């Protein structure tokens, strides 16, 4: 198992790079986000890696952070999602954005990635909603989102896990923000931040606070 590589960047292309490690050139596939962070040829680069073994090939995938690697592995537990699709998703969304989209049930956000249709996006959201809490508990996702994910299994939108009235207020606020043109993921994250800051949990208070989070209502 090759878990990490450190060397000099030789080539950085659209979907891969070549890393010289003590005279051996490793071709490493990576997300657009990671490729944008590696610098120029000749620069020192360290990547976390995942080696996929197939009958006809050994393929290396590189990541700038552990959360991205963990999300890459988790995505491939979904039927129909291979390494190429996982890279496409993580090029479009950060690991944090992906986790928020899953908790919000936002298949539209996931389907923005090249090659990911609505049906596959829905499957990703449905299946990973059950797996996110364990990944977050391991520490590879932000602690601030762990409480939201834990509530996902108990509340329709996973926003809060207190009274039914509080859940209804959060869901009504979410619907209102979506009707204003925000994506479910944007609205979900803004309401979550508002709740963490102690905003009163009535609909109007949540909407006003969330709009401020989204850069409006000032």
N, C-alpha and C. Protein backbone atom coordinates (compact mmCIF):
# COMPACT_ATOMS: atom_id res chain seq x y z
N UNK A 1 0.84 -1.20 0.00
CA UNK A 1 0.00 0.00 0.00
C UNK A 1 0.88 1.25 0.00
N UNK A 2 0.64 2.14 -0.95
CA UNK A 2 1.36 3.42 -1.00
C UNK A 2 0.43 4.48 -0.44
N UNK A 3 0.72 4.98 0.75
CA UNK A 3 -0.18 5.91 1.43
C UNK A 3 0.21 7.37 1.24
N UNK A 4 1.47 7.62 0.86
CA UNK A 4 1.94 8.99 0.70
C UNK A 4 3.15 9.01 -0.21
N UNK A 5 3.27 10.08 -1.00
CA UNK A 5 4.43 10.28 -1.85
C UNK A 5 4.96 11.69 -1.66
N UNK A 6 6.27 11.81 -1.59
CA UNK A 6 6.93 13.11 -1.52
C UNK A 6 8.02 13.16 -2.57
N UNK A 7 8.02 14.21 -3.38
CA UNK A 7 9.02 14.32 -4.43
C UNK A 7 8.93 15.65 -5.14
N UNK A 8 9.47 15.69 -6.36
CA UNK A 8 9.46 16.90 -7.18
C UNK A 8 8.45 16.77 -8.30
N UNK A 9 7.69 17.83 -8.51
CA UNK A 9 6.69 17.82 -9.58
C UNK A 9 7.39 17.88 -10.93
N UNK A 10 7.03 16.95 -11.80
CA UNK A 10 7.59 16.91 -13.16
C UNK A 10 6.60 17.51 -14.15
N UNK A 11 5.36 17.01 -14.11
CA UNK A 11 4.31 17.45 -15.03
C UNK A 11 3.00 17.56 -14.27
N UNK A 12 2.23 18.59 -14.58
CA UNK A 12 0.88 18.72 -14.04
C UNK A 12 -0.07 18.92 -15.21
N UNK A 13 -0.94 17.92 -15.45
CA UNK A 13 -1.86 17.96 -16.58
C UNK A 13 -3.27 18.23 -16.08
N UNK A 14 -4.27 18.05 -16.96
CA UNK A 14 -5.65 18.36 -16.61
C UNK A 14 -6.22 17.43 -15.55
N UNK A 15 -5.80 16.16 -15.56
CA UNK A 15 -6.38 15.21 -14.59
C UNK A 15 -5.34 14.36 -13.87
N UNK A 16 -4.06 14.66 -14.09
CA UNK A 16 -3.03 13.88 -13.41
C UNK A 16 -1.74 14.70 -13.31
N UNK A 17 -0.82 14.17 -12.53
CA UNK A 17 0.51 14.77 -12.44
C UNK A 17 1.54 13.65 -12.41
N UNK A 18 2.78 14.02 -12.63
CA UNK A 18 3.89 13.07 -12.51
C UNK A 18 4.82 13.59 -11.43
N UNK A 19 5.11 12.73 -10.47
CA UNK A 19 5.94 13.09 -9.32
C UNK A 19 7.22 12.26 -9.35
N UNK A 20 8.36 12.95 -9.31
CA UNK A 20 9.66 12.28 -9.29
C UNK A 20 10.04 12.02 -7.83
N UNK A 21 10.06 10.75 -7.46
CA UNK A 21 10.44 10.35 -6.11
C UNK A 21 11.73 9.54 -6.20
N UNK A 22 12.84 10.18 -5.89
CA UNK A 22 14.16 9.54 -5.92
C UNK A 22 14.42 8.86 -7.26
N UNK A 23 14.11 9.57 -8.34
CA UNK A 23 14.41 9.08 -9.68
C UNK A 23 13.34 8.24 -10.32
N UNK A 24 12.28 7.93 -9.58
CA UNK A 24 11.17 7.14 -10.12
C UNK A 24 9.98 8.08 -10.34
N UNK A 25 9.44 8.07 -11.55
CA UNK A 25 8.31 8.94 -11.86
C UNK A 25 6.98 8.24 -11.62
N UNK A 26 6.18 8.78 -10.74
CA UNK A 26 4.87 8.22 -10.42
C UNK A 26 3.78 9.07 -11.09
N UNK A 27 2.92 8.42 -11.88
CA UNK A 27 1.77 9.10 -12.46
C UNK A 27 0.63 9.01 -11.45
N UNK A 28 0.13 10.16 -11.04
CA UNK A 28 -0.88 10.22 -9.99
C UNK A 28 -2.10 10.99 -10.50
N UNK A 29 -3.25 10.35 -10.50
CA UNK A 29 -4.50 11.02 -10.86
C UNK A 29 -4.98 11.82 -9.65
N UNK A 30 -5.60 12.97 -9.91
CA UNK A 30 -6.03 13.82 -8.79
C UNK A 30 -7.21 14.69 -9.20
N UNK A 31 -7.85 15.27 -8.21
CA UNK A 31 -8.95 16.20 -8.47
C UNK A 31 -8.39 17.52 -8.98
N UNK A 32 -9.25 18.29 -9.64
CA UNK A 32 -8.82 19.60 -10.12
C UNK A 32 -8.35 20.49 -8.98
N UNK A 33 -8.97 20.33 -7.82
CA UNK A 33 -8.60 21.14 -6.66
C UNK A 33 -7.18 20.83 -6.20
N UNK A 34 -6.84 19.56 -6.11
CA UNK A 34 -5.49 19.17 -5.71
C UNK A 34 -4.47 19.58 -6.76
N UNK A 35 -4.81 19.39 -8.03
CA UNK A 35 -3.89 19.76 -9.10
C UNK A 35 -3.61 21.26 -9.10
N UNK A 36 -4.58 22.04 -8.67
CA UNK A 36 -4.39 23.47 -8.62
C UNK A 36 -3.53 23.94 -7.47
N UNK A 37 -3.20 23.03 -6.56
CA UNK A 37 -2.44 23.40 -5.36
C UNK A 37 -0.98 22.93 -5.38
N UNK A 38 -0.61 22.14 -6.39
CA UNK A 38 0.71 21.50 -6.34
C UNK A 38 1.85 22.41 -6.77
N UNK A 39 1.55 23.53 -7.40
CA UNK A 39 2.61 24.45 -7.79
C UNK A 39 3.14 24.21 -9.19
N UNK A 40 4.42 24.53 -9.39
CA UNK A 40 5.05 24.48 -10.70
C UNK A 40 6.04 23.31 -10.79
N UNK A 41 6.34 22.85 -12.02
CA UNK A 41 7.36 21.80 -12.17
C UNK A 41 8.65 22.17 -11.44
N UNK A 42 9.17 21.22 -10.71
CA UNK A 42 10.36 21.44 -9.90
C UNK A 42 10.06 21.68 -8.44
N UNK A 43 8.82 22.04 -8.13
CA UNK A 43 8.44 22.28 -6.74
C UNK A 43 8.35 20.97 -5.95
N UNK A 44 8.64 21.05 -4.66
CA UNK A 44 8.48 19.90 -3.78
C UNK A 44 7.00 19.70 -3.49
N UNK A 45 6.55 18.45 -3.60
CA UNK A 45 5.13 18.14 -3.41
C UNK A 45 4.99 16.90 -2.53
N UNK A 46 4.05 16.95 -1.61
CA UNK A 46 3.69 15.78 -0.81
C UNK A 46 2.20 15.53 -0.99
N UNK A 47 1.85 14.31 -1.36
CA UNK A 47 0.45 13.94 -1.57
C UNK A 47 0.10 12.71 -0.75
N UNK A 48 -1.09 12.72 -0.16
CA UNK A 48 -1.67 11.50 0.36
C UNK A 48 -2.17 10.70 -0.83
N UNK A 49 -2.04 9.40 -0.80
CA UNK A 49 -2.38 8.62 -1.98
C UNK A 49 -3.26 7.42 -1.65
N UNK A 50 -3.93 6.95 -2.68
CA UNK A 50 -4.74 5.74 -2.61
C UNK A 50 -4.39 4.91 -3.84
N UNK A 51 -4.00 3.66 -3.64
CA UNK A 51 -3.64 2.77 -4.73
C UNK A 51 -4.78 1.83 -5.02
N UNK A 52 -5.30 1.87 -6.25
CA UNK A 52 -6.35 0.96 -6.67
C UNK A 52 -5.75 -0.13 -7.54
N UNK A 53 -6.00 -1.36 -7.17
CA UNK A 53 -5.43 -2.51 -7.86
C UNK A 53 -6.50 -3.18 -8.72
N UNK A 54 -6.23 -3.29 -10.00
CA UNK A 54 -7.10 -3.99 -10.94
C UNK A 54 -6.30 -5.10 -11.61
N UNK A 55 -6.99 -5.98 -12.30
CA UNK A 55 -6.30 -7.08 -12.97
C UNK A 55 -5.29 -6.58 -13.99
N UNK A 56 -5.63 -5.46 -14.65
CA UNK A 56 -4.78 -4.98 -15.73
C UNK A 56 -4.04 -3.68 -15.41
N UNK A 57 -4.16 -3.18 -14.19
CA UNK A 57 -3.52 -1.90 -13.89
C UNK A 57 -3.40 -1.64 -12.40
N UNK A 58 -2.37 -0.88 -12.05
CA UNK A 58 -2.22 -0.31 -10.71
C UNK A 58 -2.32 1.20 -10.89
N UNK A 59 -3.29 1.82 -10.25
CA UNK A 59 -3.53 3.25 -10.47
C UNK A 59 -3.44 4.01 -9.15
N UNK A 60 -2.66 5.09 -9.16
CA UNK A 60 -2.48 5.92 -7.98
C UNK A 60 -3.36 7.17 -8.07
N UNK A 61 -3.98 7.51 -6.95
CA UNK A 61 -4.77 8.73 -6.84
C UNK A 61 -4.21 9.56 -5.70
N UNK A 62 -4.06 10.86 -5.93
CA UNK A 62 -3.43 11.71 -4.93
C UNK A 62 -4.36 12.78 -4.39
N UNK A 63 -4.13 13.17 -3.14
CA UNK A 63 -5.01 14.12 -2.45
C UNK A 63 -4.19 15.07 -1.59
N UNK A 64 -4.66 16.30 -1.50
CA UNK A 64 -3.94 17.30 -0.71
C UNK A 64 -4.28 17.23 0.77
N UNK A 65 -5.39 16.56 1.11
CA UNK A 65 -5.79 16.47 2.51
C UNK A 65 -6.52 15.16 2.77
N UNK A 66 -6.55 14.75 4.03
CA UNK A 66 -7.15 13.47 4.40
C UNK A 66 -8.65 13.46 4.16
N UNK A 67 -9.31 14.58 4.35
CA UNK A 67 -10.76 14.60 4.15
C UNK A 67 -11.13 14.28 2.71
N UNK A 68 -10.32 14.78 1.78
CA UNK A 68 -10.60 14.50 0.37
C UNK A 68 -10.38 13.02 0.07
N UNK A 69 -9.32 12.45 0.61
CA UNK A 69 -9.08 11.02 0.39
C UNK A 69 -10.19 10.18 1.01
N UNK A 70 -10.63 10.53 2.21
CA UNK A 70 -11.71 9.79 2.87
C UNK A 70 -13.00 9.88 2.06
N UNK A 71 -13.30 11.06 1.53
CA UNK A 71 -14.50 11.22 0.71
C UNK A 71 -14.40 10.42 -0.57
N UNK A 72 -13.22 10.37 -1.17
CA UNK A 72 -12.98 9.58 -2.39
C UNK A 72 -13.28 8.11 -2.13
N UNK A 73 -12.80 7.59 -1.02
CA UNK A 73 -13.03 6.18 -0.68
C UNK A 73 -14.50 5.93 -0.38
N UNK A 74 -15.13 6.86 0.34
CA UNK A 74 -16.52 6.68 0.72
C UNK A 74 -17.43 6.71 -0.50
N UNK A 75 -17.16 7.60 -1.45
CA UNK A 75 -17.99 7.69 -2.65
C UNK A 75 -18.02 6.37 -3.41
N UNK A 76 -16.91 5.66 -3.41
CA UNK A 76 -16.83 4.42 -4.17
C UNK A 76 -17.53 3.25 -3.50
N UNK A 77 -18.06 3.46 -2.32
CA UNK A 77 -18.89 2.42 -1.70
C UNK A 77 -20.30 2.43 -2.27
N UNK A 78 -20.62 3.46 -3.04
CA UNK A 78 -21.94 3.56 -3.67
C UNK A 78 -21.91 2.83 -5.00
N UNK A 79 -22.90 1.98 -5.24
CA UNK A 79 -22.97 1.24 -6.49
C UNK A 79 -23.03 2.20 -7.67
N UNK A 80 -22.17 1.98 -8.65
CA UNK A 80 -22.15 2.82 -9.84
C UNK A 80 -21.17 3.96 -9.78
N UNK A 81 -20.50 4.13 -8.64
CA UNK A 81 -19.51 5.21 -8.51
C UNK A 81 -18.11 4.60 -8.48
N UNK A 82 -17.36 4.84 -9.53
CA UNK A 82 -15.98 4.39 -9.59
C UNK A 82 -15.03 5.54 -9.29
N UNK A 83 -13.75 5.28 -9.49
CA UNK A 83 -12.74 6.29 -9.18
C UNK A 83 -12.92 7.55 -10.03
N UNK A 84 -13.23 7.37 -11.32
CA UNK A 84 -13.40 8.52 -12.21
C UNK A 84 -14.54 9.41 -11.75
N UNK A 85 -15.67 8.79 -11.41
CA UNK A 85 -16.83 9.56 -10.96
C UNK A 85 -16.53 10.25 -9.63
N UNK A 86 -15.84 9.55 -8.73
CA UNK A 86 -15.50 10.14 -7.44
C UNK A 86 -14.61 11.36 -7.61
N UNK A 87 -13.62 11.27 -8.52
CA UNK A 87 -12.76 12.42 -8.78
C UNK A 87 -13.55 13.59 -9.36
N UNK A 88 -14.50 13.27 -10.25
CA UNK A 88 -15.32 14.31 -10.85
C UNK A 88 -16.12 15.06 -9.79
N UNK A 89 -16.71 14.31 -8.87
CA UNK A 89 -17.50 14.93 -7.80
C UNK A 89 -16.62 15.81 -6.92
N UNK A 90 -15.44 15.32 -6.57
CA UNK A 90 -14.56 16.06 -5.67
C UNK A 90 -13.81 17.19 -6.38
N UNK A 91 -13.87 17.22 -7.70
CA UNK A 91 -13.38 18.38 -8.44
C UNK A 91 -14.41 19.50 -8.39
N UNK A 92 -15.69 19.11 -8.38
CA UNK A 92 -16.78 20.08 -8.34
C UNK A 92 -17.07 20.56 -6.92
N UNK A 93 -17.03 19.64 -5.96
CA UNK A 93 -17.35 19.95 -4.56
C UNK A 93 -16.17 19.61 -3.66
N UNK A 94 -15.92 20.45 -2.67
CA UNK A 94 -14.95 20.06 -1.64
C UNK A 94 -15.55 18.92 -0.82
N UNK A 95 -14.73 18.26 -0.04
CA UNK A 95 -15.24 17.21 0.84
C UNK A 95 -16.28 17.77 1.81
N UNK A 96 -16.05 18.99 2.30
CA UNK A 96 -17.01 19.61 3.21
C UNK A 96 -18.32 19.94 2.50
N UNK A 97 -18.22 20.47 1.27
CA UNK A 97 -19.43 20.77 0.50
C UNK A 97 -20.22 19.49 0.21
N UNK A 98 -19.51 18.41 -0.09
CA UNK A 98 -20.17 17.14 -0.36
C UNK A 98 -20.92 16.66 0.86
N UNK A 99 -20.30 16.73 2.03
CA UNK A 99 -20.97 16.25 3.24
C UNK A 99 -22.22 17.08 3.53
N UNK A 100 -22.14 18.40 3.31
CA UNK A 100 -23.30 19.25 3.55
C UNK A 100 -24.41 18.94 2.55
N UNK A 101 -24.05 18.72 1.29
CA UNK A 101 -25.04 18.38 0.27
C UNK A 101 -25.75 17.08 0.61
N UNK A 102 -25.01 16.11 1.10
CA UNK A 102 -25.60 14.82 1.47
C UNK A 102 -26.55 14.99 2.64
N UNK A 103 -26.13 15.73 3.67
CA UNK A 103 -26.99 15.94 4.83
C UNK A 103 -28.24 16.73 4.47
N UNK A 104 -28.12 17.62 3.49
CA UNK A 104 -29.26 18.42 3.06
C UNK A 104 -30.15 17.67 2.08
N UNK A 105 -29.72 16.49 1.62
CA UNK A 105 -30.48 15.75 0.63
C UNK A 105 -30.49 16.44 -0.72
N UNK A 106 -29.41 17.16 -1.04
CA UNK A 106 -29.35 18.00 -2.23
C UNK A 106 -28.71 17.26 -3.40
N UNK A 107 -29.52 16.46 -4.10
CA UNK A 107 -28.99 15.71 -5.24
C UNK A 107 -28.59 16.64 -6.38
N UNK A 108 -29.24 17.80 -6.49
CA UNK A 108 -28.91 18.75 -7.56
C UNK A 108 -27.47 19.22 -7.44
N UNK A 109 -27.01 19.44 -6.22
CA UNK A 109 -25.64 19.87 -6.00
C UNK A 109 -24.66 18.79 -6.44
N UNK A 110 -24.95 17.53 -6.10
CA UNK A 110 -24.07 16.42 -6.47
C UNK A 110 -24.06 16.22 -7.98
N UNK A 111 -25.21 16.40 -8.62
CA UNK A 111 -25.31 16.16 -10.06
C UNK A 111 -24.65 17.24 -10.90
N UNK A 112 -24.10 18.29 -10.26
CA UNK A 112 -23.34 19.29 -11.00
C UNK A 112 -22.04 18.72 -11.55
N UNK A 113 -21.56 17.65 -10.95
CA UNK A 113 -20.31 17.04 -11.40
C UNK A 113 -20.48 16.40 -12.76
N UNK A 114 -19.47 16.49 -13.60
CA UNK A 114 -19.51 15.87 -14.92
C UNK A 114 -19.72 14.37 -14.80
N UNK A 115 -20.66 13.85 -15.59
CA UNK A 115 -20.90 12.41 -15.63
C UNK A 115 -21.80 11.89 -14.53
N UNK A 116 -22.34 12.75 -13.70
CA UNK A 116 -23.21 12.32 -12.60
C UNK A 116 -24.64 12.77 -12.90
N UNK A 117 -25.49 11.80 -13.25
CA UNK A 117 -26.88 12.09 -13.56
C UNK A 117 -27.73 12.16 -12.31
N UNK A 118 -28.99 12.59 -12.46
CA UNK A 118 -29.88 12.74 -11.30
C UNK A 118 -30.10 11.45 -10.52
N UNK A 119 -30.24 10.32 -11.22
CA UNK A 119 -30.49 9.06 -10.52
C UNK A 119 -29.30 8.64 -9.68
N UNK A 120 -28.10 8.76 -10.26
CA UNK A 120 -26.90 8.40 -9.50
C UNK A 120 -26.69 9.38 -8.35
N UNK A 121 -26.95 10.65 -8.58
CA UNK A 121 -26.81 11.64 -7.51
C UNK A 121 -27.75 11.32 -6.35
N UNK A 122 -28.97 10.91 -6.67
CA UNK A 122 -29.93 10.56 -5.62
C UNK A 122 -29.45 9.34 -4.84
N UNK A 123 -28.89 8.36 -5.54
CA UNK A 123 -28.38 7.16 -4.87
C UNK A 123 -27.22 7.53 -3.94
N UNK A 124 -26.35 8.41 -4.40
CA UNK A 124 -25.22 8.85 -3.58
C UNK A 124 -25.72 9.51 -2.30
N UNK A 125 -26.68 10.40 -2.44
CA UNK A 125 -27.23 11.11 -1.28
C UNK A 125 -27.88 10.13 -0.31
N UNK A 126 -28.69 9.22 -0.84
CA UNK A 126 -29.42 8.28 0.01
C UNK A 126 -28.48 7.34 0.77
N UNK A 127 -27.51 6.77 0.06
CA UNK A 127 -26.63 5.78 0.68
C UNK A 127 -25.63 6.42 1.65
N UNK A 128 -25.08 7.56 1.27
CA UNK A 128 -24.04 8.15 2.11
C UNK A 128 -24.59 8.88 3.32
N UNK A 129 -25.87 9.21 3.30
CA UNK A 129 -26.47 9.83 4.48
C UNK A 129 -26.35 8.92 5.70
N UNK A 130 -26.34 7.61 5.46
CA UNK A 130 -26.22 6.65 6.56
C UNK A 130 -24.77 6.43 6.99
N UNK A 131 -23.82 6.79 6.11
CA UNK A 131 -22.41 6.50 6.40
C UNK A 131 -21.64 7.71 6.91
N UNK A 132 -22.16 8.90 6.67
CA UNK A 132 -21.44 10.10 7.07
C UNK A 132 -21.14 10.20 8.57
N UNK A 133 -22.09 9.86 9.45
CA UNK A 133 -21.79 10.02 10.89
C UNK A 133 -20.54 9.28 11.34
N UNK A 134 -20.33 8.06 10.84
CA UNK A 134 -19.15 7.30 11.26
C UNK A 134 -17.88 7.95 10.73
N UNK A 135 -17.93 8.50 9.52
CA UNK A 135 -16.76 9.18 8.97
C UNK A 135 -16.45 10.44 9.77
N UNK A 136 -17.48 11.18 10.14
CA UNK A 136 -17.27 12.38 10.93
C UNK A 136 -16.77 12.05 12.33
N UNK A 137 -17.28 10.96 12.89
CA UNK A 137 -16.85 10.56 14.23
C UNK A 137 -15.37 10.20 14.26
N UNK A 138 -14.84 9.78 13.10
CA UNK A 138 -13.43 9.42 13.03
C UNK A 138 -12.53 10.65 12.97
N UNK A 139 -13.14 11.83 12.78
CA UNK A 139 -12.36 13.06 12.82
C UNK A 139 -11.93 13.60 11.49
N UNK A 140 -12.30 12.95 10.37
CA UNK A 140 -11.85 13.44 9.07
C UNK A 140 -12.79 14.47 8.47
N UNK A 141 -13.94 14.71 9.12
CA UNK A 141 -14.84 15.79 8.73
C UNK A 141 -14.94 16.77 9.90
N UNK A 142 -15.31 18.02 9.63
CA UNK A 142 -15.33 19.02 10.69
C UNK A 142 -16.24 18.65 11.85
N UNK A 143 -15.79 18.88 13.06
CA UNK A 143 -16.58 18.55 14.25
C UNK A 143 -17.88 19.33 14.29
N UNK A 144 -17.88 20.53 13.73
CA UNK A 144 -19.08 21.37 13.76
C UNK A 144 -20.22 20.74 13.00
N UNK A 145 -19.90 19.89 12.02
CA UNK A 145 -20.94 19.27 11.22
C UNK A 145 -21.38 17.93 11.80
N UNK A 146 -20.65 17.41 12.78
CA UNK A 146 -20.99 16.10 13.32
C UNK A 146 -22.37 16.09 13.95
N UNK A 147 -22.70 17.13 14.70
CA UNK A 147 -24.00 17.18 15.35
C UNK A 147 -25.12 17.23 14.33
N UNK A 148 -24.91 17.96 13.23
CA UNK A 148 -25.92 18.01 12.18
C UNK A 148 -26.10 16.63 11.56
N UNK A 149 -24.98 15.94 11.31
CA UNK A 149 -25.08 14.62 10.69
C UNK A 149 -25.77 13.63 11.61
N UNK A 150 -25.48 13.72 12.90
CA UNK A 150 -26.10 12.79 13.85
C UNK A 150 -27.61 12.96 13.85
N UNK A 151 -28.08 14.20 13.66
CA UNK A 151 -29.51 14.44 13.62
C UNK A 151 -30.15 13.96 12.35
N UNK A 152 -29.36 13.69 11.31
CA UNK A 152 -29.91 13.31 10.01
C UNK A 152 -30.77 12.07 10.10
N UNK A 153 -30.39 11.13 10.93
CA UNK A 153 -31.13 9.89 11.01
C UNK A 153 -32.41 10.02 11.83
N UNK A 154 -32.58 11.17 12.53
CA UNK A 154 -33.74 11.33 13.40
C UNK A 154 -34.69 12.40 12.92
N UNK A 155 -34.21 13.33 12.10
CA UNK A 155 -35.06 14.42 11.61
C UNK A 155 -35.02 14.45 10.10
N UNK A 156 -36.11 14.90 9.51
CA UNK A 156 -36.24 14.85 8.06
C UNK A 156 -35.08 15.49 7.34
N UNK A 157 -34.61 16.63 7.81
CA UNK A 157 -33.52 17.31 7.16
C UNK A 157 -32.27 17.37 8.01
N UNK A 158 -32.28 16.76 9.20
CA UNK A 158 -31.08 16.68 10.01
C UNK A 158 -30.61 18.01 10.56
N UNK A 159 -31.48 19.02 10.59
CA UNK A 159 -31.03 20.33 11.01
C UNK A 159 -30.84 20.41 12.51
N UNK A 160 -31.80 19.90 13.26
CA UNK A 160 -31.71 19.90 14.71
C UNK A 160 -32.37 18.64 15.23
N UNK A 161 -32.12 18.30 16.48
CA UNK A 161 -32.67 17.06 17.02
C UNK A 161 -33.40 17.31 18.33
N UNK A 162 -34.11 18.46 18.39
CA UNK A 162 -34.84 18.75 19.62
C UNK A 162 -36.32 18.50 19.39
N UNK A 163 -37.19 19.48 19.71
CA UNK A 163 -38.63 19.25 19.63
C UNK A 163 -39.13 19.25 18.20
N UNK A 164 -40.34 18.67 18.02
CA UNK A 164 -40.95 18.67 16.70
C UNK A 164 -41.17 20.08 16.20
N UNK A 165 -41.55 21.00 17.11
CA UNK A 165 -41.78 22.38 16.71
C UNK A 165 -40.52 23.03 16.18
N UNK A 166 -39.38 22.76 16.83
CA UNK A 166 -38.11 23.32 16.37
C UNK A 166 -37.74 22.76 15.00
N UNK A 167 -37.96 21.45 14.83
CA UNK A 167 -37.66 20.83 13.54
C UNK A 167 -38.53 21.43 12.45
N UNK A 168 -39.81 21.65 12.75
CA UNK A 168 -40.71 22.22 11.76
C UNK A 168 -40.28 23.63 11.39
N UNK A 169 -39.85 24.42 12.36
CA UNK A 169 -39.38 25.78 12.08
C UNK A 169 -38.18 25.75 11.15
N UNK A 170 -37.23 24.86 11.44
CA UNK A 170 -36.04 24.77 10.61
C UNK A 170 -36.39 24.33 9.19
N UNK A 171 -37.30 23.37 9.08
CA UNK A 171 -37.69 22.89 7.75
C UNK A 171 -38.45 23.96 6.98
N UNK A 172 -39.30 24.73 7.67
CA UNK A 172 -40.02 25.82 7.01
C UNK A 172 -39.05 26.90 6.54
N UNK A 173 -38.06 27.19 7.37
CA UNK A 173 -37.06 28.19 6.97
C UNK A 173 -36.25 27.69 5.78
N UNK A 174 -35.93 26.40 5.78
CA UNK A 174 -35.20 25.81 4.66
C UNK A 174 -36.01 25.95 3.37
N UNK A 175 -37.29 25.62 3.42
CA UNK A 175 -38.16 25.73 2.24
C UNK A 175 -38.24 27.16 1.75
N UNK A 176 -38.33 28.11 2.68
CA UNK A 176 -38.42 29.52 2.29
C UNK A 176 -37.16 29.98 1.57
N UNK A 177 -36.01 29.58 2.06
CA UNK A 177 -34.75 29.98 1.43
C UNK A 177 -34.60 29.35 0.05
N UNK A 178 -35.03 28.09 -0.08
CA UNK A 178 -34.99 27.44 -1.40
C UNK A 178 -35.91 28.17 -2.37
N UNK A 179 -37.08 28.60 -1.90
CA UNK A 179 -38.01 29.35 -2.74
C UNK A 179 -37.44 30.70 -3.16
N UNK A 180 -36.52 31.23 -2.37
CA UNK A 180 -35.86 32.49 -2.71
C UNK A 180 -34.73 32.30 -3.72
N UNK A 181 -34.47 31.04 -4.08
CA UNK A 181 -33.48 30.77 -5.11
C UNK A 181 -32.17 30.17 -4.64
N UNK A 182 -32.03 29.95 -3.34
CA UNK A 182 -30.81 29.31 -2.84
C UNK A 182 -30.91 27.80 -2.99
N UNK A 183 -29.77 27.16 -3.16
CA UNK A 183 -29.78 25.70 -3.22
C UNK A 183 -30.06 25.14 -1.84
N UNK A 184 -30.50 23.88 -1.78
CA UNK A 184 -30.74 23.24 -0.49
C UNK A 184 -29.46 23.20 0.34
N UNK A 185 -28.34 22.98 -0.32
CA UNK A 185 -27.08 22.91 0.40
C UNK A 185 -26.72 24.25 1.03
N UNK A 186 -26.85 25.34 0.25
CA UNK A 186 -26.56 26.68 0.79
C UNK A 186 -27.48 27.00 1.96
N UNK A 187 -28.78 26.74 1.77
CA UNK A 187 -29.76 27.05 2.81
C UNK A 187 -29.52 26.21 4.06
N UNK A 188 -29.26 24.93 3.86
CA UNK A 188 -29.01 24.01 4.97
C UNK A 188 -27.82 24.47 5.81
N UNK A 189 -26.73 24.82 5.11
CA UNK A 189 -25.52 25.24 5.83
C UNK A 189 -25.76 26.54 6.59
N UNK A 190 -26.48 27.49 5.97
CA UNK A 190 -26.73 28.78 6.61
C UNK A 190 -27.60 28.61 7.86
N UNK A 191 -28.63 27.78 7.77
CA UNK A 191 -29.49 27.54 8.93
C UNK A 191 -28.71 26.82 10.02
N UNK A 192 -27.88 25.87 9.62
CA UNK A 192 -27.05 25.16 10.60
C UNK A 192 -26.14 26.11 11.36
N UNK A 193 -25.51 27.05 10.64
CA UNK A 193 -24.64 28.02 11.31
C UNK A 193 -25.44 28.93 12.24
N UNK A 194 -26.64 29.30 11.79
CA UNK A 194 -27.49 30.16 12.62
C UNK A 194 -27.86 29.47 13.92
N UNK A 195 -28.19 28.18 13.84
CA UNK A 195 -28.55 27.43 15.04
C UNK A 195 -27.36 27.30 15.98
N UNK A 196 -26.18 27.10 15.42
CA UNK A 196 -24.98 26.99 16.25
C UNK A 196 -24.69 28.30 16.98
N UNK A 197 -25.10 29.42 16.40
CA UNK A 197 -24.86 30.73 17.02
C UNK A 197 -25.94 31.10 18.03
N UNK A 198 -26.94 30.22 18.20
CA UNK A 198 -27.97 30.48 19.19
C UNK A 198 -29.12 31.33 18.72
N UNK A 199 -29.34 31.37 17.40
CA UNK A 199 -30.47 32.13 16.86
C UNK A 199 -31.79 31.55 17.38
N UNK A 200 -32.75 32.42 17.78
CA UNK A 200 -34.07 31.92 18.18
C UNK A 200 -34.65 31.02 17.10
N UNK A 201 -35.23 29.89 17.52
CA UNK A 201 -35.62 28.87 16.56
C UNK A 201 -37.05 29.03 16.04
N UNK A 202 -37.47 30.28 15.82
CA UNK A 202 -38.73 30.49 15.11
C UNK A 202 -38.40 30.74 13.65
N UNK A 203 -39.40 30.58 12.77
CA UNK A 203 -39.15 30.63 11.33
C UNK A 203 -38.56 31.97 10.91
N UNK A 204 -39.17 33.07 11.33
CA UNK A 204 -38.70 34.38 10.89
C UNK A 204 -37.28 34.67 11.38
N UNK A 205 -36.98 34.27 12.62
CA UNK A 205 -35.63 34.48 13.14
C UNK A 205 -34.59 33.68 12.39
N UNK A 206 -34.92 32.43 12.07
CA UNK A 206 -33.99 31.59 11.32
C UNK A 206 -33.76 32.13 9.92
N UNK A 207 -34.83 32.57 9.26
CA UNK A 207 -34.69 33.10 7.90
C UNK A 207 -33.82 34.35 7.90
N UNK A 208 -34.09 35.27 8.83
CA UNK A 208 -33.32 36.52 8.89
C UNK A 208 -31.85 36.24 9.14
N UNK A 209 -31.57 35.35 10.09
CA UNK A 209 -30.18 35.03 10.40
C UNK A 209 -29.50 34.32 9.24
N UNK A 210 -30.22 33.39 8.60
CA UNK A 210 -29.65 32.65 7.48
C UNK A 210 -29.34 33.59 6.31
N UNK A 211 -30.22 34.55 6.06
CA UNK A 211 -29.97 35.51 4.98
C UNK A 211 -28.72 36.34 5.25
N UNK A 212 -28.49 36.67 6.52
CA UNK A 212 -27.25 37.38 6.86
C UNK A 212 -26.05 36.48 6.60
N UNK A 213 -26.20 35.19 6.94
CA UNK A 213 -25.13 34.24 6.68
C UNK A 213 -24.83 34.16 5.18
N UNK A 214 -25.86 34.29 4.38
CA UNK A 214 -25.73 34.20 2.93
C UNK A 214 -25.35 35.53 2.29
N UNK A 215 -25.13 36.55 3.13
CA UNK A 215 -24.66 37.82 2.61
C UNK A 215 -25.74 38.80 2.24
N UNK A 216 -26.99 38.55 2.71
CA UNK A 216 -28.08 39.46 2.43
C UNK A 216 -28.76 39.84 3.73
N UNK A 217 -29.79 40.65 3.62
CA UNK A 217 -30.55 41.07 4.79
C UNK A 217 -29.81 42.05 5.66
N UNK A 218 -28.78 42.74 5.09
CA UNK A 218 -28.01 43.71 5.88
C UNK A 218 -28.38 45.13 5.48
